[in-house]
Amino acid sequence: MIFRQLFDSISGTYSYVLASRPGGEALILDPVLEKVDRYCQLLRELDLKLVKAVDTHLHADHVTGLGELRDRTHCMTVMGDQTKADVVAMRVADGDKVTIEGLSLDVMYTPGHTDDSYSYLMGDRVFTGDTLLIRGTGRTDFQNGSSRAQYESIFNRLLKLPDETMVFPAHDYKGDTVSTIGEEKRYNPRLQVRSVDEYIELMANLKLPNPKMMDVAVPANMRVGLHQEELEKEGRALSAAEAIRSLRRPDILLVDLRESNERMKHGMIEGALHTPYPSVEESLKPGGMLREVAAAMGRRVVFFCAFGERSAMAVAAAKEAGLSNTAHIAGGIDAWKKAGGPVVHA
């Protein structure tokens, strides 16, 4: 496995690059905008294809690299269901899995620092975001934070993991890089409380100043979505209502770019062809399945995904591959369902 911990000294942020092999698919956790050049260089050096960029929560102390990485690498952006970010390609909930080739992360909803805070468990290690830090815990005094919720997340979720589980947080300000669940139970001063009320009192008395970047970072991080207006101007976007009206039209081929677990969870559009987004570029090349099917049937390919990000990128990839007769459903299956579009469940 390839595992790289990268550090931004200005915000004290740790980002993590994960892959199962050189030359394979990669995932990055909590990227920082100013470090995107460095990440891209590392991906090139290790011959990795970035397919997912994940933020554990909406950060207040740095601007996320999610949008820039998506624009440069065409990767999928991933955050939790509760995020206030305008659009991300995939939203996950407790119990879901985030997968890339050869690796799988279990999604744990661990609110408290913010109400959209998640942790990701991968075998012998857990990425705790700002919920559990090394010898500390994330502050709970802004962004709908809650000391009570954080106590539950830490004591009833994270500390229930095996003691030897390695802890990799999103921040550190003292130079520590890794800990374990067992170490934190024993030596983390904030975890030596006897009750939830004692923890709430401890957190209420921290009196921390706001992060320096907060007024810049939070609004910027809420606007990471891909701008889809251009496609609308070019006539390459169907509204959900237009898409519903065109269902079963013989000249249209609907292509679902979501992953199998998303389809199972949120339902499918009958008759749509399933081509998961990471394979779409290959599928659009000469000889590729999508290209051949579209040519043989003479149908207009209409892509859709969860919220419209992946499908917008697929339209751009199709144009680059010389397939001009494509479009996408603006807002994805989310907009389709809100407009009353029918879905089937397997």
Protein backbone atom coordinates (compact mmCIF):
# COMPACT_ATOMS: atom_id res chain seq x y z
CA MET A 1 0.00 0.00 0.00
CA ILE A 2 1.08 3.57 -0.68
CA PHE A 3 0.50 5.84 2.33
CA ARG A 4 1.75 9.42 2.45
CA GLN A 5 1.16 11.94 5.21
CA LEU A 6 1.67 15.50 3.96
CA PHE A 7 1.82 18.62 6.13
CA ASP A 8 0.81 22.24 5.65
CA SER A 9 2.81 24.18 8.24
CA ILE A 10 0.72 27.37 7.97
CA SER A 11 -2.56 25.77 9.06
CA GLY A 12 -1.09 22.73 10.81
CA THR A 13 -3.09 20.46 8.49
CA TYR A 14 -2.29 16.84 7.67
CA SER A 15 -3.41 15.50 4.30
CA TYR A 16 -3.17 11.84 3.35
CA VAL A 17 -2.63 10.18 -0.02
CA LEU A 18 -3.70 6.53 -0.17
CA ALA A 19 -3.36 3.94 -2.94
CA SER A 20 -3.15 0.17 -3.09
CA ARG A 21 -0.28 0.10 -5.62
CA PRO A 22 1.98 2.27 -7.82
CA GLY A 23 0.22 2.96 -11.12
CA GLY A 24 -3.21 2.57 -9.51
CA GLU A 25 -6.08 4.68 -8.23
CA ALA A 26 -5.51 7.11 -5.36
CA LEU A 27 -7.55 8.96 -2.77
CA ILE A 28 -6.61 12.09 -0.83
CA LEU A 29 -8.01 13.17 2.55
CA ASP A 30 -8.24 16.81 3.67
CA PRO A 31 -6.20 18.51 0.92
CA VAL A 32 -5.12 22.17 1.30
CA LEU A 33 -5.48 24.54 -1.67
CA GLU A 34 -1.94 25.95 -1.44
CA LYS A 35 -0.45 22.43 -1.55
CA VAL A 36 -2.24 21.21 -4.69
CA ASP A 37 0.92 21.57 -6.84
CA ARG A 38 2.76 19.32 -4.38
CA TYR A 39 -0.01 16.70 -4.40
CA CYS A 40 -0.12 16.66 -8.21
CA GLN A 41 3.67 16.29 -8.36
CA LEU A 42 3.55 13.35 -5.95
CA LEU A 43 0.74 11.71 -7.95
CA ARG A 44 2.85 12.01 -11.11
CA GLU A 45 5.96 10.66 -9.37
CA LEU A 46 4.08 7.63 -8.05
CA ASP A 47 2.14 7.21 -11.32
CA LEU A 48 -1.20 7.45 -9.48
CA LYS A 49 -4.62 8.45 -10.81
CA LEU A 50 -6.50 10.54 -8.25
CA VAL A 51 -10.13 9.40 -8.27
CA LYS A 52 -11.48 10.76 -4.97
CA ALA A 53 -10.73 13.82 -2.83
CA VAL A 54 -12.37 13.70 0.61
CA ASP A 55 -12.83 16.37 3.27
CA THR A 56 -13.58 15.07 6.77
CA HIS A 57 -15.59 18.25 7.46
CA LEU A 58 -15.96 21.88 6.36
CA HIS A 59 -12.65 23.38 7.47
CA ALA A 60 -12.38 26.82 9.08
CA ASP A 61 -8.59 27.28 9.13
CA HIS A 62 -7.64 26.69 5.48
CA VAL A 63 -9.21 26.72 2.03
CA THR A 64 -9.84 23.19 0.82
CA GLY A 65 -8.04 21.77 -2.22
CA LEU A 66 -11.12 19.78 -3.29
CA GLY A 67 -12.28 22.08 -6.10
CA GLU A 68 -8.80 22.69 -7.52
CA LEU A 69 -7.97 18.97 -7.49
CA ARG A 70 -11.26 18.19 -9.23
CA ASP A 71 -10.53 20.81 -11.91
CA ARG A 72 -7.00 19.51 -12.48
CA THR A 73 -7.47 15.74 -12.18
CA HIS A 74 -11.22 15.26 -12.82
CA CYS A 75 -11.48 13.39 -9.52
CA MET A 76 -14.68 13.04 -7.51
CA THR A 77 -15.18 15.25 -4.45
CA VAL A 78 -16.57 13.55 -1.34
CA MET A 79 -18.03 14.94 1.90
CA GLY A 80 -20.60 13.89 4.49
CA ASP A 81 -24.36 14.21 4.04
CA GLN A 82 -24.56 17.17 6.43
CA THR A 83 -22.02 19.36 4.62
CA LYS A 84 -22.90 23.00 3.94
CA ALA A 85 -20.72 22.91 0.80
CA ASP A 86 -22.82 23.81 -2.23
CA VAL A 87 -22.07 20.77 -4.40
CA VAL A 88 -19.83 17.76 -3.99
CA ALA A 89 -19.84 14.79 -6.34
CA MET A 90 -20.64 12.25 -3.63
CA ARG A 91 -22.16 12.60 -0.17
CA VAL A 92 -21.63 9.80 2.32
CA ALA A 93 -23.37 8.77 5.55
CA ASP A 94 -22.53 6.64 8.57
CA GLY A 95 -22.00 3.01 7.57
CA ASP A 96 -21.18 3.76 3.92
CA LYS A 97 -17.87 2.80 2.33
CA VAL A 98 -15.56 4.99 0.26
CA THR A 99 -13.73 2.72 -2.15
CA ILE A 100 -10.98 2.96 -4.72
CA GLU A 101 -9.13 0.15 -6.46
CA GLY A 102 -7.83 -2.19 -3.73
CA LEU A 103 -8.83 -0.01 -0.74
CA SER A 104 -11.98 0.58 1.27
CA LEU A 105 -12.67 3.13 4.02
CA ASP A 106 -15.57 2.70 6.46
CA VAL A 107 -17.48 5.95 6.98
CA MET A 108 -18.15 6.96 10.60
CA TYR A 109 -20.30 9.99 11.43
CA THR A 110 -18.50 11.65 14.36
CA PRO A 111 -20.11 15.08 14.91
CA GLY A 112 -19.05 17.47 17.65
CA HIS A 113 -16.24 19.63 16.28
CA THR A 114 -18.74 20.55 13.56
CA ASP A 115 -22.09 18.99 12.70
CA ASP A 116 -20.64 17.59 9.45
CA SER A 117 -17.56 15.88 10.97
CA TYR A 118 -16.71 12.36 9.78
CA SER A 119 -13.97 9.85 10.51
CA TYR A 120 -12.75 7.17 8.10
CA LEU A 121 -11.62 3.74 9.28
CA MET A 122 -9.25 1.72 7.12
CA GLY A 123 -8.15 -1.55 8.72
CA ASP A 124 -5.48 -0.76 11.30
CA ARG A 125 -5.87 3.03 11.16
CA VAL A 126 -8.53 5.68 11.56
CA PHE A 127 -8.51 9.17 10.07
CA THR A 128 -10.26 11.25 12.72
CA GLY A 129 -10.41 14.69 11.09
CA ASP A 130 -10.67 17.26 13.90
CA THR A 131 -12.79 15.06 16.16
CA LEU A 132 -9.95 13.31 17.99
CA LEU A 133 -6.51 14.93 17.89
CA ILE A 134 -3.23 13.66 19.34
CA ARG A 135 -3.46 14.52 23.06
CA GLY A 136 -6.37 16.82 22.31
CA THR A 137 -9.82 17.10 20.73
CA GLY A 138 -11.26 19.53 18.19
CA ARG A 139 -12.87 22.69 19.53
CA THR A 140 -16.68 22.68 19.59
CA ASP A 141 -17.56 26.37 19.79
CA PHE A 142 -18.51 27.17 16.17
CA GLN A 143 -20.07 25.67 12.99
CA ASN A 144 -22.84 23.98 14.98
CA GLY A 145 -20.29 22.25 17.15
CA SER A 146 -21.46 20.39 20.25
CA SER A 147 -19.36 19.14 23.15
CA ARG A 148 -22.08 16.63 24.01
CA ALA A 149 -22.11 15.21 20.46
CA GLN A 150 -18.30 15.12 20.44
CA TYR A 151 -18.21 13.21 23.73
CA GLU A 152 -20.56 10.61 22.18
CA SER A 153 -18.48 10.44 18.99
CA ILE A 154 -15.23 9.94 20.89
CA PHE A 155 -16.24 7.79 23.86
CA ASN A 156 -18.96 5.71 22.18
CA ARG A 157 -17.49 5.38 18.68
CA LEU A 158 -13.77 6.07 18.29
CA LEU A 159 -12.58 4.78 21.69
CA LYS A 160 -14.50 1.54 21.05
CA LEU A 161 -12.02 0.71 18.26
CA PRO A 162 -9.17 -1.70 19.17
CA ASP A 163 -6.47 -0.03 21.31
CA GLU A 164 -3.80 -0.69 18.66
CA THR A 165 -5.73 1.23 15.95
CA MET A 166 -3.50 4.05 14.69
CA VAL A 167 -4.94 7.57 14.90
CA PHE A 168 -4.19 9.98 12.05
CA PRO A 169 -5.81 13.40 12.66
CA ALA A 170 -6.36 16.30 10.24
CA HIS A 171 -4.36 18.70 12.42
CA ASP A 172 -1.49 18.87 14.85
CA TYR A 173 0.22 21.91 16.30
CA LYS A 174 2.96 20.25 18.36
CA GLY A 175 4.80 18.07 15.84
CA ASP A 176 3.12 14.72 16.59
CA THR A 177 2.27 12.66 13.52
CA VAL A 178 0.45 9.53 14.74
CA SER A 179 -0.97 8.02 17.91
CA THR A 180 -3.14 5.02 18.82
CA ILE A 181 -6.57 4.67 20.38
CA GLY A 182 -4.98 3.05 23.46
CA GLU A 183 -2.50 5.92 23.90
CA GLU A 184 -5.22 8.53 23.62
CA LYS A 185 -7.38 6.73 26.20
CA ARG A 186 -4.48 6.81 28.65
CA TYR A 187 -2.68 10.08 27.94
CA ASN A 188 -5.08 12.50 26.23
CA PRO A 189 -5.80 15.07 29.00
CA ARG A 190 -9.26 15.90 27.61
CA LEU A 191 -10.33 12.23 27.81
CA GLN A 192 -9.65 11.84 31.52
CA VAL A 193 -13.12 13.16 32.41
CA ARG A 194 -15.59 11.13 34.44
CA SER A 195 -18.80 12.22 32.69
CA VAL A 196 -20.26 13.98 29.68
CA ASP A 197 -21.09 17.02 31.86
CA GLU A 198 -17.46 17.28 32.96
CA TYR A 199 -16.37 17.15 29.30
CA ILE A 200 -18.87 19.89 28.34
CA GLU A 201 -17.54 22.09 31.16
CA LEU A 202 -13.92 21.47 30.12
CA MET A 203 -14.64 22.43 26.49
CA ALA A 204 -16.65 25.51 27.53
CA ASN A 205 -13.67 26.90 29.42
CA LEU A 206 -11.07 26.68 26.62
CA LYS A 207 -11.70 30.30 25.48
CA LEU A 208 -9.90 29.88 22.15
CA PRO A 209 -9.55 32.70 19.59
CA ASN A 210 -11.20 32.11 16.21
CA PRO A 211 -8.96 30.57 13.51
CA LYS A 212 -7.14 33.34 11.61
CA MET A 213 -8.46 32.14 8.25
CA MET A 214 -12.02 31.51 9.39
CA ASP A 215 -13.71 34.46 7.64
CA VAL A 216 -12.04 33.51 4.35
CA ALA A 217 -11.98 29.72 4.60
CA VAL A 218 -15.57 28.96 5.61
CA PRO A 219 -17.28 30.93 2.78
CA ALA A 220 -14.73 29.61 0.23
CA ASN A 221 -15.20 26.03 1.41
CA MET A 222 -18.96 26.35 1.06
CA ARG A 223 -18.52 27.17 -2.63
CA VAL A 224 -16.48 24.27 -4.00
CA GLY A 225 -19.04 23.11 -6.58
CA LEU A 226 -18.20 22.85 -10.26
CA HIS A 227 -19.82 25.67 -12.22
CA GLN A 228 -22.34 23.95 -14.49
CA GLU A 229 -23.87 27.08 -16.07
CA GLU A 230 -21.63 26.87 -19.15
CA LEU A 231 -23.15 23.53 -20.12
CA GLU A 232 -26.61 25.05 -19.87
CA LYS A 233 -25.61 27.89 -22.22
CA GLU A 234 -24.23 25.35 -24.70
CA GLY A 235 -27.46 23.35 -24.61
CA ARG A 236 -25.73 20.42 -22.96
CA ALA A 237 -27.77 20.39 -19.76
CA LEU A 238 -31.27 18.99 -19.30
CA SER A 239 -33.30 20.13 -16.32
CA ALA A 240 -34.75 17.31 -14.24
CA ALA A 241 -38.20 18.08 -15.69
CA GLU A 242 -36.87 17.89 -19.28
CA ALA A 243 -35.08 14.64 -18.47
CA ILE A 244 -38.25 13.11 -16.98
CA ARG A 245 -40.18 14.06 -20.13
CA SER A 246 -37.51 12.41 -22.31
CA LEU A 247 -37.58 9.11 -20.39
CA ARG A 248 -37.89 6.12 -22.78
CA ARG A 249 -37.33 8.30 -25.85
CA PRO A 250 -35.61 6.03 -28.41
CA ASP A 251 -33.07 8.70 -29.43
CA ILE A 252 -31.67 9.15 -25.89
CA LEU A 253 -29.32 6.86 -23.98
CA LEU A 254 -29.20 7.57 -20.24
CA VAL A 255 -25.86 6.74 -18.61
CA ASP A 256 -25.62 6.42 -14.81
CA LEU A 257 -22.13 7.37 -13.53
CA ARG A 258 -22.75 6.54 -9.87
CA GLU A 259 -21.19 3.67 -7.96
CA SER A 260 -23.16 0.49 -7.28
CA ASN A 261 -23.66 1.30 -3.60
CA GLU A 262 -25.11 4.74 -4.47
CA ARG A 263 -27.53 3.12 -6.93
CA MET A 264 -28.67 0.59 -4.33
CA LYS A 265 -29.16 3.30 -1.71
CA HIS A 266 -30.83 6.05 -3.74
CA GLY A 267 -32.50 4.10 -6.57
CA MET A 268 -31.98 3.81 -10.32
CA ILE A 269 -33.57 5.22 -13.47
CA GLU A 270 -35.08 2.40 -15.49
CA GLY A 271 -33.27 1.63 -18.74
CA ALA A 272 -30.11 3.59 -17.86
CA LEU A 273 -26.74 2.09 -18.74
CA HIS A 274 -24.37 1.84 -15.76
CA THR A 275 -20.84 3.15 -16.38
CA PRO A 276 -19.13 4.22 -13.12
CA TYR A 277 -17.45 7.61 -13.48
CA PRO A 278 -13.78 6.48 -13.06
CA SER A 279 -14.11 4.29 -16.18
CA VAL A 280 -15.88 6.86 -18.36
CA GLU A 281 -12.79 8.34 -20.06
CA GLU A 282 -11.68 4.88 -21.20
CA SER A 283 -15.21 4.13 -22.37
CA LEU A 284 -15.30 7.25 -24.56
CA LYS A 285 -12.11 6.45 -26.47
CA PRO A 286 -12.28 4.85 -29.94
CA GLY A 287 -13.24 1.22 -29.36
CA GLY A 288 -14.61 2.07 -25.91
CA MET A 289 -17.98 0.64 -24.92
CA LEU A 290 -19.89 3.93 -24.61
CA ARG A 291 -18.54 5.30 -27.85
CA GLU A 292 -19.42 2.11 -29.73
CA VAL A 293 -22.93 1.89 -28.26
CA ALA A 294 -23.67 5.56 -29.01
CA ALA A 295 -22.39 5.18 -32.58
CA ALA A 296 -24.22 1.91 -33.27
CA MET A 297 -27.54 3.16 -31.90
CA GLY A 298 -27.26 6.77 -33.06
CA ARG A 299 -28.55 7.99 -29.70
CA ARG A 300 -27.68 11.09 -27.72
CA VAL A 301 -25.81 10.14 -24.56
CA VAL A 302 -27.23 11.86 -21.46
CA PHE A 303 -25.08 11.38 -18.35
CA PHE A 304 -26.32 11.65 -14.79
CA CYS A 305 -24.85 11.13 -11.32
CA ALA A 306 -25.78 12.14 -7.75
CA PHE A 307 -25.67 15.96 -7.96
CA GLY A 308 -24.42 16.80 -11.47
CA GLU A 309 -20.65 17.13 -10.89
CA ARG A 310 -19.47 13.85 -12.36
CA SER A 311 -21.91 14.14 -15.26
CA ALA A 312 -20.71 17.68 -16.08
CA MET A 313 -17.12 16.39 -16.17
CA ALA A 314 -18.21 13.43 -18.33
CA VAL A 315 -19.76 15.82 -20.89
CA ALA A 316 -16.43 17.70 -21.01
CA ALA A 317 -14.52 14.41 -21.40
CA ALA A 318 -16.87 13.33 -24.22
CA LYS A 319 -16.34 16.64 -26.02
CA GLU A 320 -12.58 16.18 -25.70
CA ALA A 321 -12.91 12.66 -27.12
CA GLY A 322 -14.78 14.03 -30.14
CA LEU A 323 -18.30 13.03 -29.05
CA SER A 324 -20.31 16.22 -29.34
CA ASN A 325 -23.86 14.86 -29.01
CA THR A 326 -23.88 14.48 -25.21
CA ALA A 327 -25.58 16.22 -22.31
CA HIS A 328 -26.19 15.76 -18.60
CA ILE A 329 -29.03 16.02 -16.11
CA ALA A 330 -28.38 19.18 -14.09
CA GLY A 331 -28.51 18.41 -10.38
CA GLY A 332 -28.36 14.65 -10.96
CA ILE A 333 -30.62 12.02 -9.42
CA ASP A 334 -31.13 14.36 -6.46
CA ALA A 335 -32.90 16.90 -8.72
CA TRP A 336 -34.64 14.09 -10.65
CA LYS A 337 -36.23 12.70 -7.46
CA LYS A 338 -37.17 16.17 -6.18
CA ALA A 339 -38.96 16.80 -9.51
CA GLY A 340 -40.96 13.58 -9.05
CA GLY A 341 -38.93 11.42 -11.43
CA PRO A 342 -39.50 7.68 -11.04
CA VAL A 343 -36.75 5.46 -9.59
CA VAL A 344 -36.53 1.71 -9.21
CA HIS A 345 -34.79 -0.20 -6.43
CA ALA A 346 -33.00 -3.46 -7.04
